[in-house]
Amino acid sequence: MLFDTVAAVLPGARAVRRRLVELGGTASYGEVQECFADHPTTPIPPNKIGGTLTSIRAVRRRVGPDNRSNILEPDDRRRIYRIEPALVEGLKRAFHLADSRPDLLRQEQARGASA
């Protein structure tokens, strides 16, 4: 299921989720926006980060066991993005598999499409 959620989202959402996993599963909104504002391969304007990440919720509903699996949850009160700690190691393995099988990943739908 974790690989399916990694593979099914657009590249921008996948890159943001990977960064959160690299950071241990939690990062502030500002940290995420700063990282991707001038990212060399996946630039995402700060005002587009939230929209980029909504695709994760949509994929979770489609491939997850239920709507309670917290693959990525924003906490607007604390201004952070958070991945359920129990899922971080599994997501690391899913990203490793994605790196070895990029042919299984969803790609941009059109040149220049936003993530």
PDB file of N, CA and C in Angstrom:
ATOM      1  N   MET A   1       0.815  -1.184   0.000  1.00  0.00           N
ATOM      2  CA  MET A   1       0.000   0.000   0.000  1.00  0.00           C
ATOM      3  C   MET A   1       0.869   1.263   0.000  1.00  0.00           C
ATOM      4  N   LEU A   2       1.965   1.269   0.763  1.00  0.00           N
ATOM      5  CA  LEU A   2       2.802   2.462   0.804  1.00  0.00           C
ATOM      6  C   LEU A   2       3.456   2.716  -0.547  1.00  0.00           C
ATOM      7  N   PHE A   3       3.928   1.656  -1.210  1.00  0.00           N
ATOM      8  CA  PHE A   3       4.496   1.861  -2.535  1.00  0.00           C
ATOM      9  C   PHE A   3       3.427   2.384  -3.491  1.00  0.00           C
ATOM     10  N   ASP A   4       2.232   1.853  -3.423  1.00  0.00           N
ATOM     11  CA  ASP A   4       1.153   2.309  -4.298  1.00  0.00           C
ATOM     12  C   ASP A   4       0.873   3.797  -4.110  1.00  0.00           C
ATOM     13  N   THR A   5       0.940   4.278  -2.876  1.00  0.00           N
ATOM     14  CA  THR A   5       0.686   5.708  -2.655  1.00  0.00           C
ATOM     15  C   THR A   5       1.859   6.545  -3.143  1.00  0.00           C
ATOM     16  N   VAL A   6       3.076   6.027  -3.035  1.00  0.00           N
ATOM     17  CA  VAL A   6       4.244   6.738  -3.566  1.00  0.00           C
ATOM     18  C   VAL A   6       4.163   6.791  -5.085  1.00  0.00           C
ATOM     19  N   ALA A   7       3.812   5.680  -5.704  1.00  0.00           N
ATOM     20  CA  ALA A   7       3.791   5.585  -7.160  1.00  0.00           C
ATOM     21  C   ALA A   7       2.653   6.372  -7.790  1.00  0.00           C
ATOM     22  N   ALA A   8       1.527   6.493  -7.112  1.00  0.00           N
ATOM     23  CA  ALA A   8       0.324   7.054  -7.720  1.00  0.00           C
ATOM     24  C   ALA A   8       0.262   8.580  -7.722  1.00  0.00           C
ATOM     25  N   VAL A   9       0.985   9.242  -6.838  1.00  0.00           N
ATOM     26  CA  VAL A   9       0.905  10.709  -6.800  1.00  0.00           C
ATOM     27  C   VAL A   9       1.808  11.325  -7.855  1.00  0.00           C
ATOM     28  N   LEU A  10       1.530  12.557  -8.193  1.00  0.00           N
ATOM     29  CA  LEU A  10       2.355  13.288  -9.148  1.00  0.00           C
ATOM     30  C   LEU A  10       3.746  13.540  -8.570  1.00  0.00           C
ATOM     31  N   PRO A  11       4.727  13.773  -9.426  1.00  0.00           N
ATOM     32  CA  PRO A  11       6.109  13.922  -8.963  1.00  0.00           C
ATOM     33  C   PRO A  11       6.318  14.981  -7.883  1.00  0.00           C
ATOM     34  N   GLY A  12       5.626  16.097  -7.943  1.00  0.00           N
ATOM     35  CA  GLY A  12       5.802  17.128  -6.922  1.00  0.00           C
ATOM     36  C   GLY A  12       5.394  16.641  -5.541  1.00  0.00           C
ATOM     37  N   ALA A  13       4.237  16.012  -5.449  1.00  0.00           N
ATOM     38  CA  ALA A  13       3.771  15.478  -4.168  1.00  0.00           C
ATOM     39  C   ALA A  13       4.696  14.371  -3.682  1.00  0.00           C
ATOM     40  N   ARG A  14       5.195  13.568  -4.608  1.00  0.00           N
ATOM     41  CA  ARG A  14       6.132  12.497  -4.249  1.00  0.00           C
ATOM     42  C   ARG A  14       7.421  13.093  -3.681  1.00  0.00           C
ATOM     43  N   ALA A  15       7.920  14.161  -4.303  1.00  0.00           N
ATOM     44  CA  ALA A  15       9.155  14.797  -3.831  1.00  0.00           C
ATOM     45  C   ALA A  15       8.973  15.404  -2.444  1.00  0.00           C
ATOM     46  N   VAL A  16       7.829  16.030  -2.208  1.00  0.00           N
ATOM     47  CA  VAL A  16       7.575  16.617  -0.888  1.00  0.00           C
ATOM     48  C   VAL A  16       7.481  15.516   0.159  1.00  0.00           C
ATOM     49  N   ARG A  17       6.774  14.450  -0.157  1.00  0.00           N
ATOM     50  CA  ARG A  17       6.655  13.353   0.809  1.00  0.00           C
ATOM     51  C   ARG A  17       8.028  12.743   1.094  1.00  0.00           C
ATOM     52  N   ARG A  18       8.850  12.570   0.053  1.00  0.00           N
ATOM     53  CA  ARG A  18      10.201  12.032   0.259  1.00  0.00           C
ATOM     54  C   ARG A  18      10.989  12.932   1.201  1.00  0.00           C
ATOM     55  N   ARG A  19      10.888  14.241   1.001  1.00  0.00           N
ATOM     56  CA  ARG A  19      11.609  15.177   1.873  1.00  0.00           C
ATOM     57  C   ARG A  19      11.138  15.042   3.315  1.00  0.00           C
ATOM     58  N   LEU A  20       9.841  14.910   3.514  1.00  0.00           N
ATOM     59  CA  LEU A  20       9.322  14.733   4.876  1.00  0.00           C
ATOM     60  C   LEU A  20       9.852  13.439   5.498  1.00  0.00           C
ATOM     61  N   VAL A  21       9.926  12.389   4.720  1.00  0.00           N
ATOM     62  CA  VAL A  21      10.470  11.117   5.218  1.00  0.00           C
ATOM     63  C   VAL A  21      11.937  11.313   5.600  1.00  0.00           C
ATOM     64  N   GLU A  22      12.699  12.012   4.752  1.00  0.00           N
ATOM     65  CA  GLU A  22      14.107  12.281   5.049  1.00  0.00           C
ATOM     66  C   GLU A  22      14.266  13.073   6.347  1.00  0.00           C
ATOM     67  N   LEU A  23      13.292  13.907   6.659  1.00  0.00           N
ATOM     68  CA  LEU A  23      13.330  14.719   7.880  1.00  0.00           C
ATOM     69  C   LEU A  23      12.744  13.987   9.091  1.00  0.00           C
ATOM     70  N   GLY A  24      12.424  12.722   8.942  1.00  0.00           N
ATOM     71  CA  GLY A  24      11.906  11.948  10.060  1.00  0.00           C
ATOM     72  C   GLY A  24      10.392  11.959  10.176  1.00  0.00           C
ATOM     73  N   GLY A  25       9.707  12.557   9.217  1.00  0.00           N
ATOM     74  CA  GLY A  25       8.249  12.511   9.207  1.00  0.00           C
ATOM     75  C   GLY A  25       7.547  13.783   9.602  1.00  0.00           C
ATOM     76  N   THR A  26       8.281  14.804  10.029  1.00  0.00           N
ATOM     77  CA  THR A  26       7.646  16.051  10.449  1.00  0.00           C
ATOM     78  C   THR A  26       8.475  17.238   9.979  1.00  0.00           C
ATOM     79  N   ALA A  27       7.811  18.240   9.438  1.00  0.00           N
ATOM     80  CA  ALA A  27       8.479  19.480   9.040  1.00  0.00           C
ATOM     81  C   ALA A  27       7.465  20.609   9.078  1.00  0.00           C
ATOM     82  N   SER A  28       7.956  21.795   9.321  1.00  0.00           N
ATOM     83  CA  SER A  28       7.066  22.957   9.330  1.00  0.00           C
ATOM     84  C   SER A  28       6.675  23.314   7.905  1.00  0.00           C
ATOM     85  N   TYR A  29       5.568  24.037   7.798  1.00  0.00           N
ATOM     86  CA  TYR A  29       5.139  24.509   6.485  1.00  0.00           C
ATOM     87  C   TYR A  29       6.272  25.311   5.842  1.00  0.00           C
ATOM     88  N   GLY A  30       6.903  26.172   6.634  1.00  0.00           N
ATOM     89  CA  GLY A  30       7.989  27.020   6.122  1.00  0.00           C
ATOM     90  C   GLY A  30       9.162  26.209   5.602  1.00  0.00           C
ATOM     91  N   GLU A  31       9.554  25.158   6.321  1.00  0.00           N
ATOM     92  CA  GLU A  31      10.665  24.303   5.869  1.00  0.00           C
ATOM     93  C   GLU A  31      10.360  23.664   4.521  1.00  0.00           C
ATOM     94  N   VAL A  32       9.135  23.192   4.367  1.00  0.00           N
ATOM     95  CA  VAL A  32       8.747  22.540   3.110  1.00  0.00           C
ATOM     96  C   VAL A  32       8.709  23.569   1.986  1.00  0.00           C
ATOM     97  N   GLN A  33       8.107  24.711   2.233  1.00  0.00           N
ATOM     98  CA  GLN A  33       8.023  25.748   1.203  1.00  0.00           C
ATOM     99  C   GLN A  33       9.404  26.240   0.798  1.00  0.00           C
ATOM    100  N   GLU A  34      10.277  26.436   1.768  1.00  0.00           N
ATOM    101  CA  GLU A  34      11.632  26.911   1.489  1.00  0.00           C
ATOM    102  C   GLU A  34      12.409  25.901   0.648  1.00  0.00           C
ATOM    103  N   CYS A  35      12.274  24.635   0.971  1.00  0.00           N
ATOM    104  CA  CYS A  35      12.988  23.586   0.249  1.00  0.00           C
ATOM    105  C   CYS A  35      12.584  23.537  -1.223  1.00  0.00           C
ATOM    106  N   PHE A  36      11.301  23.705  -1.510  1.00  0.00           N
ATOM    107  CA  PHE A  36      10.809  23.510  -2.864  1.00  0.00           C
ATOM    108  C   PHE A  36      10.647  24.788  -3.679  1.00  0.00           C
ATOM    109  N   ALA A  37      10.773  25.942  -3.063  1.00  0.00           N
ATOM    110  CA  ALA A  37      10.625  27.193  -3.807  1.00  0.00           C
ATOM    111  C   ALA A  37      11.658  27.292  -4.932  1.00  0.00           C
ATOM    112  N   ASP A  38      12.884  26.873  -4.660  1.00  0.00           N
ATOM    113  CA  ASP A  38      13.952  26.920  -5.662  1.00  0.00           C
ATOM    114  C   ASP A  38      14.582  25.549  -5.868  1.00  0.00           C
ATOM    115  N   HIS A  39      13.793  24.499  -5.699  1.00  0.00           N
ATOM    116  CA  HIS A  39      14.303  23.131  -5.831  1.00  0.00           C
ATOM    117  C   HIS A  39      14.849  22.916  -7.241  1.00  0.00           C
ATOM    118  N   PRO A  40      16.013  22.259  -7.388  1.00  0.00           N
ATOM    119  CA  PRO A  40      16.618  22.116  -8.719  1.00  0.00           C
ATOM    120  C   PRO A  40      15.833  21.221  -9.689  1.00  0.00           C
ATOM    121  N   THR A  41      15.116  20.220  -9.201  1.00  0.00           N
ATOM    122  CA  THR A  41      14.405  19.319 -10.114  1.00  0.00           C
ATOM    123  C   THR A  41      12.889  19.386  -9.984  1.00  0.00           C
ATOM    124  N   THR A  42      12.388  19.814  -8.827  1.00  0.00           N
ATOM    125  CA  THR A  42      10.942  19.860  -8.601  1.00  0.00           C
ATOM    126  C   THR A  42      10.559  21.177  -7.930  1.00  0.00           C
ATOM    127  N   PRO A  43      10.710  22.301  -8.627  1.00  0.00           N
ATOM    128  CA  PRO A  43      10.321  23.569  -7.990  1.00  0.00           C
ATOM    129  C   PRO A  43       8.804  23.661  -7.849  1.00  0.00           C
ATOM    130  N   ILE A  44       8.372  24.092  -6.675  1.00  0.00           N
ATOM    131  CA  ILE A  44       6.944  24.277  -6.401  1.00  0.00           C
ATOM    132  C   ILE A  44       6.805  25.634  -5.713  1.00  0.00           C
ATOM    133  N   PRO A  45       6.080  26.569  -6.308  1.00  0.00           N
ATOM    134  CA  PRO A  45       5.903  27.869  -5.661  1.00  0.00           C
ATOM    135  C   PRO A  45       5.253  27.684  -4.280  1.00  0.00           C
ATOM    136  N   PRO A  46       5.640  28.503  -3.308  1.00  0.00           N
ATOM    137  CA  PRO A  46       5.079  28.365  -1.953  1.00  0.00           C
ATOM    138  C   PRO A  46       3.556  28.344  -1.914  1.00  0.00           C
ATOM    139  N   ASN A  47       2.905  29.097  -2.787  1.00  0.00           N
ATOM    140  CA  ASN A  47       1.438  29.132  -2.770  1.00  0.00           C
ATOM    141  C   ASN A  47       0.818  27.889  -3.401  1.00  0.00           C
ATOM    142  N   LYS A  48       1.622  26.980  -3.942  1.00  0.00           N
ATOM    143  CA  LYS A  48       1.113  25.765  -4.576  1.00  0.00           C
ATOM    144  C   LYS A  48       1.372  24.499  -3.751  1.00  0.00           C
ATOM    145  N   ILE A  49       2.149  24.596  -2.670  1.00  0.00           N
ATOM    146  CA  ILE A  49       2.489  23.408  -1.881  1.00  0.00           C
ATOM    147  C   ILE A  49       1.230  22.703  -1.380  1.00  0.00           C
ATOM    148  N   GLY A  50       0.314  23.428  -0.789  1.00  0.00           N
ATOM    149  CA  GLY A  50      -0.904  22.814  -0.254  1.00  0.00           C
ATOM    150  C   GLY A  50      -1.698  22.085  -1.324  1.00  0.00           C
ATOM    151  N   GLY A  51      -1.841  22.693  -2.481  1.00  0.00           N
ATOM    152  CA  GLY A  51      -2.560  22.050  -3.576  1.00  0.00           C
ATOM    153  C   GLY A  51      -1.835  20.823  -4.087  1.00  0.00           C
ATOM    154  N   THR A  52      -0.513  20.898  -4.107  1.00  0.00           N
ATOM    155  CA  THR A  52       0.294  19.750  -4.526  1.00  0.00           C
ATOM    156  C   THR A  52       0.045  18.565  -3.615  1.00  0.00           C
ATOM    157  N   LEU A  53      -0.049  18.828  -2.332  1.00  0.00           N
ATOM    158  CA  LEU A  53      -0.178  17.746  -1.362  1.00  0.00           C
ATOM    159  C   LEU A  53      -1.592  17.196  -1.248  1.00  0.00           C
ATOM    160  N   THR A  54      -2.580  17.881  -1.790  1.00  0.00           N
ATOM    161  CA  THR A  54      -3.930  17.324  -1.726  1.00  0.00           C
ATOM    162  C   THR A  54      -4.028  16.032  -2.528  1.00  0.00           C
ATOM    163  N   SER A  55      -3.145  15.846  -3.509  1.00  0.00           N
ATOM    164  CA  SER A  55      -3.182  14.602  -4.283  1.00  0.00           C
ATOM    165  C   SER A  55      -2.854  13.397  -3.405  1.00  0.00           C
ATOM    166  N   ILE A  56      -2.114  13.598  -2.335  1.00  0.00           N
ATOM    167  CA  ILE A  56      -1.797  12.491  -1.424  1.00  0.00           C
ATOM    168  C   ILE A  56      -3.068  11.990  -0.759  1.00  0.00           C
ATOM    169  N   ARG A  57      -3.935  12.901  -0.316  1.00  0.00           N
ATOM    170  CA  ARG A  57      -5.194  12.492   0.304  1.00  0.00           C
ATOM    171  C   ARG A  57      -6.074  11.746  -0.686  1.00  0.00           C
ATOM    172  N   ALA A  58      -6.116  12.235  -1.920  1.00  0.00           N
ATOM    173  CA  ALA A  58      -6.943  11.582  -2.941  1.00  0.00           C
ATOM    174  C   ALA A  58      -6.444  10.170  -3.216  1.00  0.00           C
ATOM    175  N   VAL A  59      -5.142  10.002  -3.311  1.00  0.00           N
ATOM    176  CA  VAL A  59      -4.575   8.671  -3.555  1.00  0.00           C
ATOM    177  C   VAL A  59      -4.820   7.778  -2.354  1.00  0.00           C
ATOM    178  N   ARG A  60      -4.666   8.313  -1.164  1.00  0.00           N
ATOM    179  CA  ARG A  60      -4.888   7.518   0.049  1.00  0.00           C
ATOM    180  C   ARG A  60      -6.299   6.955   0.077  1.00  0.00           C
ATOM    181  N   ARG A  61      -7.271   7.770  -0.312  1.00  0.00           N
ATOM    182  CA  ARG A  61      -8.658   7.288  -0.338  1.00  0.00           C
ATOM    183  C   ARG A  61      -8.827   6.159  -1.351  1.00  0.00           C
ATOM    184  N   ARG A  62      -8.067   6.229  -2.445  1.00  0.00           N
ATOM    185  CA  ARG A  62      -8.206   5.237  -3.507  1.00  0.00           C
ATOM    186  C   ARG A  62      -7.470   3.937  -3.202  1.00  0.00           C
ATOM    187  N   VAL A  63      -6.265   4.007  -2.611  1.00  0.00           N
ATOM    188  CA  VAL A  63      -5.480   2.783  -2.415  1.00  0.00           C
ATOM    189  C   VAL A  63      -5.324   2.383  -0.951  1.00  0.00           C
ATOM    190  N   GLY A  64      -5.638   3.277  -0.020  1.00  0.00           N
ATOM    191  CA  GLY A  64      -5.471   2.966   1.393  1.00  0.00           C
ATOM    192  C   GLY A  64      -6.562   2.072   1.926  1.00  0.00           C
ATOM    193  N   PRO A  65      -6.308   1.439   3.083  1.00  0.00           N
ATOM    194  CA  PRO A  65      -7.312   0.549   3.655  1.00  0.00           C
ATOM    195  C   PRO A  65      -8.522   1.297   4.195  1.00  0.00           C
ATOM    196  N   ASP A  66      -8.335   2.551   4.573  1.00  0.00           N
ATOM    197  CA  ASP A  66      -9.440   3.376   5.057  1.00  0.00           C
ATOM    198  C   ASP A  66      -8.979   4.823   5.089  1.00  0.00           C
ATOM    199  N   ASN A  67      -9.862   5.719   5.431  1.00  0.00           N
ATOM    200  CA  ASN A  67      -9.498   7.139   5.475  1.00  0.00           C
ATOM    201  C   ASN A  67      -8.728   7.528   6.726  1.00  0.00           C
ATOM    202  N   ARG A  68      -8.457   6.591   7.600  1.00  0.00           N
ATOM    203  CA  ARG A  68      -7.764   6.921   8.836  1.00  0.00           C
ATOM    204  C   ARG A  68      -6.261   6.732   8.741  1.00  0.00           C
ATOM    205  N   SER A  69      -5.746   6.193   7.648  1.00  0.00           N
ATOM    206  CA  SER A  69      -4.306   6.007   7.526  1.00  0.00           C
ATOM    207  C   SER A  69      -3.643   7.365   7.310  1.00  0.00           C
ATOM    208  N   ASN A  70      -2.778   7.754   8.223  1.00  0.00           N
ATOM    209  CA  ASN A  70      -2.193   9.091   8.223  1.00  0.00           C
ATOM    210  C   ASN A  70      -0.857   9.119   7.489  1.00  0.00           C
ATOM    211  N   ILE A  71      -0.923   8.942   6.162  1.00  0.00           N
ATOM    212  CA  ILE A  71       0.296   8.981   5.376  1.00  0.00           C
ATOM    213  C   ILE A  71       0.860  10.389   5.359  1.00  0.00           C
ATOM    214  N   LEU A  72       0.023  11.387   5.340  1.00  0.00           N
ATOM    215  CA  LEU A  72       0.458  12.770   5.466  1.00  0.00           C
ATOM    216  C   LEU A  72      -0.723  13.583   5.976  1.00  0.00           C
ATOM    217  N   GLU A  73      -0.505  14.269   7.076  1.00  0.00           N
ATOM    218  CA  GLU A  73      -1.561  15.100   7.640  1.00  0.00           C
ATOM    219  C   GLU A  73      -1.005  16.482   7.950  1.00  0.00           C
ATOM    220  N   PRO A  74      -1.662  17.520   7.474  1.00  0.00           N
ATOM    221  CA  PRO A  74      -1.262  18.862   7.887  1.00  0.00           C
ATOM    222  C   PRO A  74      -1.864  19.182   9.250  1.00  0.00           C
ATOM    223  N   ASP A  75      -1.130  19.888  10.066  1.00  0.00           N
ATOM    224  CA  ASP A  75      -1.631  20.374  11.347  1.00  0.00           C
ATOM    225  C   ASP A  75      -1.591  21.896  11.258  1.00  0.00           C
ATOM    226  N   ASP A  76      -2.716  22.483  10.857  1.00  0.00           N
ATOM    227  CA  ASP A  76      -2.756  23.926  10.626  1.00  0.00           C
ATOM    228  C   ASP A  76      -2.517  24.724  11.902  1.00  0.00           C
ATOM    229  N   ARG A  77      -2.947  24.196  13.022  1.00  0.00           N
ATOM    230  CA  ARG A  77      -2.761  24.907  14.291  1.00  0.00           C
ATOM    231  C   ARG A  77      -1.276  25.046  14.620  1.00  0.00           C
ATOM    232  N   ARG A  78      -0.509  23.959  14.441  1.00  0.00           N
ATOM    233  CA  ARG A  78       0.927  23.981  14.730  1.00  0.00           C
ATOM    234  C   ARG A  78       1.765  24.335  13.509  1.00  0.00           C
ATOM    235  N   ARG A  79       1.121  24.438  12.315  1.00  0.00           N
ATOM    236  CA  ARG A  79       1.771  24.779  11.058  1.00  0.00           C
ATOM    237  C   ARG A  79       2.871  23.790  10.692  1.00  0.00           C
ATOM    238  N   ILE A  80       2.507  22.493  10.738  1.00  0.00           N
ATOM    239  CA  ILE A  80       3.438  21.443  10.346  1.00  0.00           C
ATOM    240  C   ILE A  80       2.743  20.419   9.449  1.00  0.00           C
ATOM    241  N   TYR A  81       3.557  19.695   8.688  1.00  0.00           N
ATOM    242  CA  TYR A  81       3.126  18.491   7.987  1.00  0.00           C
ATOM    243  C   TYR A  81       3.685  17.333   8.783  1.00  0.00           C
ATOM    244  N   ARG A  82       2.900  16.277   8.894  1.00  0.00           N
ATOM    245  CA  ARG A  82       3.311  15.160   9.725  1.00  0.00           C
ATOM    246  C   ARG A  82       2.918  13.843   9.063  1.00  0.00           C
ATOM    247  N   ILE A  83       3.863  12.905   9.052  1.00  0.00           N
ATOM    248  CA  ILE A  83       3.602  11.544   8.605  1.00  0.00           C
ATOM    249  C   ILE A  83       3.578  10.684   9.859  1.00  0.00           C
ATOM    250  N   GLU A  84       2.616   9.806   9.941  1.00  0.00           N
ATOM    251  CA  GLU A  84       2.511   8.891  11.082  1.00  0.00           C
ATOM    252  C   GLU A  84       3.874   8.218  11.294  1.00  0.00           C
ATOM    253  N   PRO A  85       4.463   8.344  12.490  1.00  0.00           N
ATOM    254  CA  PRO A  85       5.802   7.792  12.727  1.00  0.00           C
ATOM    255  C   PRO A  85       5.950   6.309  12.350  1.00  0.00           C
ATOM    256  N   ALA A  86       4.917   5.521  12.562  1.00  0.00           N
ATOM    257  CA  ALA A  86       4.999   4.090  12.239  1.00  0.00           C
ATOM    258  C   ALA A  86       5.138   3.844  10.741  1.00  0.00           C
ATOM    259  N   LEU A  87       4.815   4.838   9.903  1.00  0.00           N
ATOM    260  CA  LEU A  87       4.876   4.672   8.455  1.00  0.00           C
ATOM    261  C   LEU A  87       6.185   5.141   7.836  1.00  0.00           C
ATOM    262  N   VAL A  88       7.006   5.867   8.578  1.00  0.00           N
ATOM    263  CA  VAL A  88       8.216   6.459   8.011  1.00  0.00           C
ATOM    264  C   VAL A  88       9.165   5.386   7.460  1.00  0.00           C
ATOM    265  N   GLU A  89       9.433   4.341   8.213  1.00  0.00           N
ATOM    266  CA  GLU A  89      10.347   3.291   7.732  1.00  0.00           C
ATOM    267  C   GLU A  89       9.796   2.589   6.501  1.00  0.00           C
ATOM    268  N   GLY A  90       8.505   2.312   6.492  1.00  0.00           N
ATOM    269  CA  GLY A  90       7.888   1.685   5.328  1.00  0.00           C
ATOM    270  C   GLY A  90       7.962   2.582   4.105  1.00  0.00           C
ATOM    271  N   LEU A  91       7.798   3.884   4.305  1.00  0.00           N
ATOM    272  CA  LEU A  91       7.911   4.821   3.186  1.00  0.00           C
ATOM    273  C   LEU A  91       9.346   4.890   2.675  1.00  0.00           C
ATOM    274  N   LYS A  92      10.325   4.776   3.567  1.00  0.00           N
ATOM    275  CA  LYS A  92      11.720   4.735   3.113  1.00  0.00           C
ATOM    276  C   LYS A  92      11.928   3.553   2.171  1.00  0.00           C
ATOM    277  N   ARG A  93      11.388   2.400   2.538  1.00  0.00           N
ATOM    278  CA  ARG A  93      11.502   1.216   1.668  1.00  0.00           C
ATOM    279  C   ARG A  93      10.743   1.423   0.365  1.00  0.00           C
ATOM    280  N   ALA A  94       9.581   2.055   0.433  1.00  0.00           N
ATOM    281  CA  ALA A  94       8.807   2.322  -0.781  1.00  0.00           C
ATOM    282  C   ALA A  94       9.572   3.250  -1.717  1.00  0.00           C
ATOM    283  N   PHE A  95      10.238   4.271  -1.179  1.00  0.00           N
ATOM    284  CA  PHE A  95      11.028   5.166  -2.018  1.00  0.00           C
ATOM    285  C   PHE A  95      12.236   4.448  -2.608  1.00  0.00           C
ATOM    286  N   HIS A  96      12.832   3.546  -1.856  1.00  0.00           N
ATOM    287  CA  HIS A  96      13.948   2.758  -2.383  1.00  0.00           C
ATOM    288  C   HIS A  96      13.468   1.930  -3.580  1.00  0.00           C
ATOM    289  N   LEU A  97      12.327   1.295  -3.444  1.00  0.00           N
ATOM    290  CA  LEU A  97      11.761   0.526  -4.548  1.00  0.00           C
ATOM    291  C   LEU A  97      11.428   1.441  -5.733  1.00  0.00           C
ATOM    292  N   ALA A  98      10.877   2.614  -5.445  1.00  0.00           N
ATOM    293  CA  ALA A  98      10.555   3.568  -6.511  1.00  0.00           C
ATOM    294  C   ALA A  98      11.813   3.993  -7.267  1.00  0.00           C
ATOM    295  N   ASP A  99      12.916   4.160  -6.545  1.00  0.00           N
ATOM    296  CA  ASP A  99      14.169   4.525  -7.202  1.00  0.00           C
ATOM    297  C   ASP A  99      14.652   3.424  -8.139  1.00  0.00           C
ATOM    298  N   SER A 100      14.411   2.190  -7.759  1.00  0.00           N
ATOM    299  CA  SER A 100      14.868   1.084  -8.592  1.00  0.00           C
ATOM    300  C   SER A 100      13.882   0.737  -9.714  1.00  0.00           C
ATOM    301  N   ARG A 101      12.633   1.192  -9.603  1.00  0.00           N
ATOM    302  CA  ARG A 101      11.612   0.906 -10.630  1.00  0.00           C
ATOM    303  C   ARG A 101      10.843   2.175 -11.013  1.00  0.00           C
ATOM    304  N   PRO A 102      11.525   3.178 -11.555  1.00  0.00           N
ATOM    305  CA  PRO A 102      10.828   4.420 -11.917  1.00  0.00           C
ATOM    306  C   PRO A 102       9.752   4.215 -12.978  1.00  0.00           C
ATOM    307  N   ASP A 103       9.805   3.106 -13.698  1.00  0.00           N
ATOM    308  CA  ASP A 103       8.782   2.828 -14.703  1.00  0.00           C
ATOM    309  C   ASP A 103       7.410   2.599 -14.087  1.00  0.00           C
ATOM    310  N   LEU A 104       7.356   2.347 -12.783  1.00  0.00           N
ATOM    311  CA  LEU A 104       6.085   2.103 -12.102  1.00  0.00           C
ATOM    312  C   LEU A 104       5.453   3.382 -11.542  1.00  0.00           C
ATOM    313  N   LEU A 105       6.154   4.508 -11.672  1.00  0.00           N
ATOM    314  CA  LEU A 105       5.697   5.753 -11.066  1.00  0.00           C
ATOM    315  C   LEU A 105       4.853   6.576 -12.019  1.00  0.00           C
ATOM    316  N   ARG A 106       3.862   7.250 -11.447  1.00  0.00           N
ATOM    317  CA  ARG A 106       3.055   8.193 -12.232  1.00  0.00           C
ATOM    318  C   ARG A 106       3.955   9.356 -12.629  1.00  0.00           C
ATOM    319  N   GLN A 107       3.861   9.755 -13.857  1.00  0.00           N
ATOM    320  CA  GLN A 107       4.674  10.867 -14.378  1.00  0.00           C
ATOM    321  C   GLN A 107       3.790  12.075 -14.601  1.00  0.00           C
ATOM    322  N   GLU A 108       4.422  13.190 -14.918  1.00  0.00           N
ATOM    323  CA  GLU A 108       3.666  14.403 -15.275  1.00  0.00           C
ATOM    324  C   GLU A 108       2.750  14.057 -16.434  1.00  0.00           C
ATOM    325  N   GLN A 109       1.543  14.575 -16.425  1.00  0.00           N
ATOM    326  CA  GLN A 109       0.588  14.284 -17.482  1.00  0.00           C
ATOM    327  C   GLN A 109       0.852  15.087 -18.750  1.00  0.00           C
ATOM    328  N   ALA A 110       1.420  16.243 -18.598  1.00  0.00           N
ATOM    329  CA  ALA A 110       1.755  17.062 -19.754  1.00  0.00           C
ATOM    330  C   ALA A 110       2.994  17.871 -19.420  1.00  0.00           C
ATOM    331  N   ARG A 111       3.773  18.187 -20.408  1.00  0.00           N
ATOM    332  CA  ARG A 111       4.976  18.979 -20.189  1.00  0.00           C
ATOM    333  C   ARG A 111       4.592  20.278 -19.506  1.00  0.00           C
ATOM    334  N   GLY A 112       5.268  20.551 -18.367  1.00  0.00           N
ATOM    335  CA  GLY A 112       4.998  21.772 -17.656  1.00  0.00           C
ATOM    336  C   GLY A 112       3.797  21.720 -16.743  1.00  0.00           C
ATOM    337  N   ALA A 113       3.178  20.562 -16.602  1.00  0.00           N
ATOM    338  CA  ALA A 113       2.017  20.452 -15.701  1.00  0.00           C
ATOM    339  C   ALA A 113       2.476  20.659 -14.283  1.00  0.00           C
ATOM    340  N   SER A 114       1.661  21.303 -13.482  1.00  0.00           N
ATOM    341  CA  SER A 114       2.039  21.502 -12.085  1.00  0.00           C
ATOM    342  C   SER A 114       1.832  20.222 -11.330  1.00  0.00           C
ATOM    343  N   ALA A 115       2.665  20.014 -10.316  1.00  0.00           N
ATOM    344  CA  ALA A 115       2.636  18.755  -9.560  1.00  0.00           C
ATOM    345  C   ALA A 115       1.490  18.705  -8.614  1.00  0.00           C
TER     346      ALA A 115
END
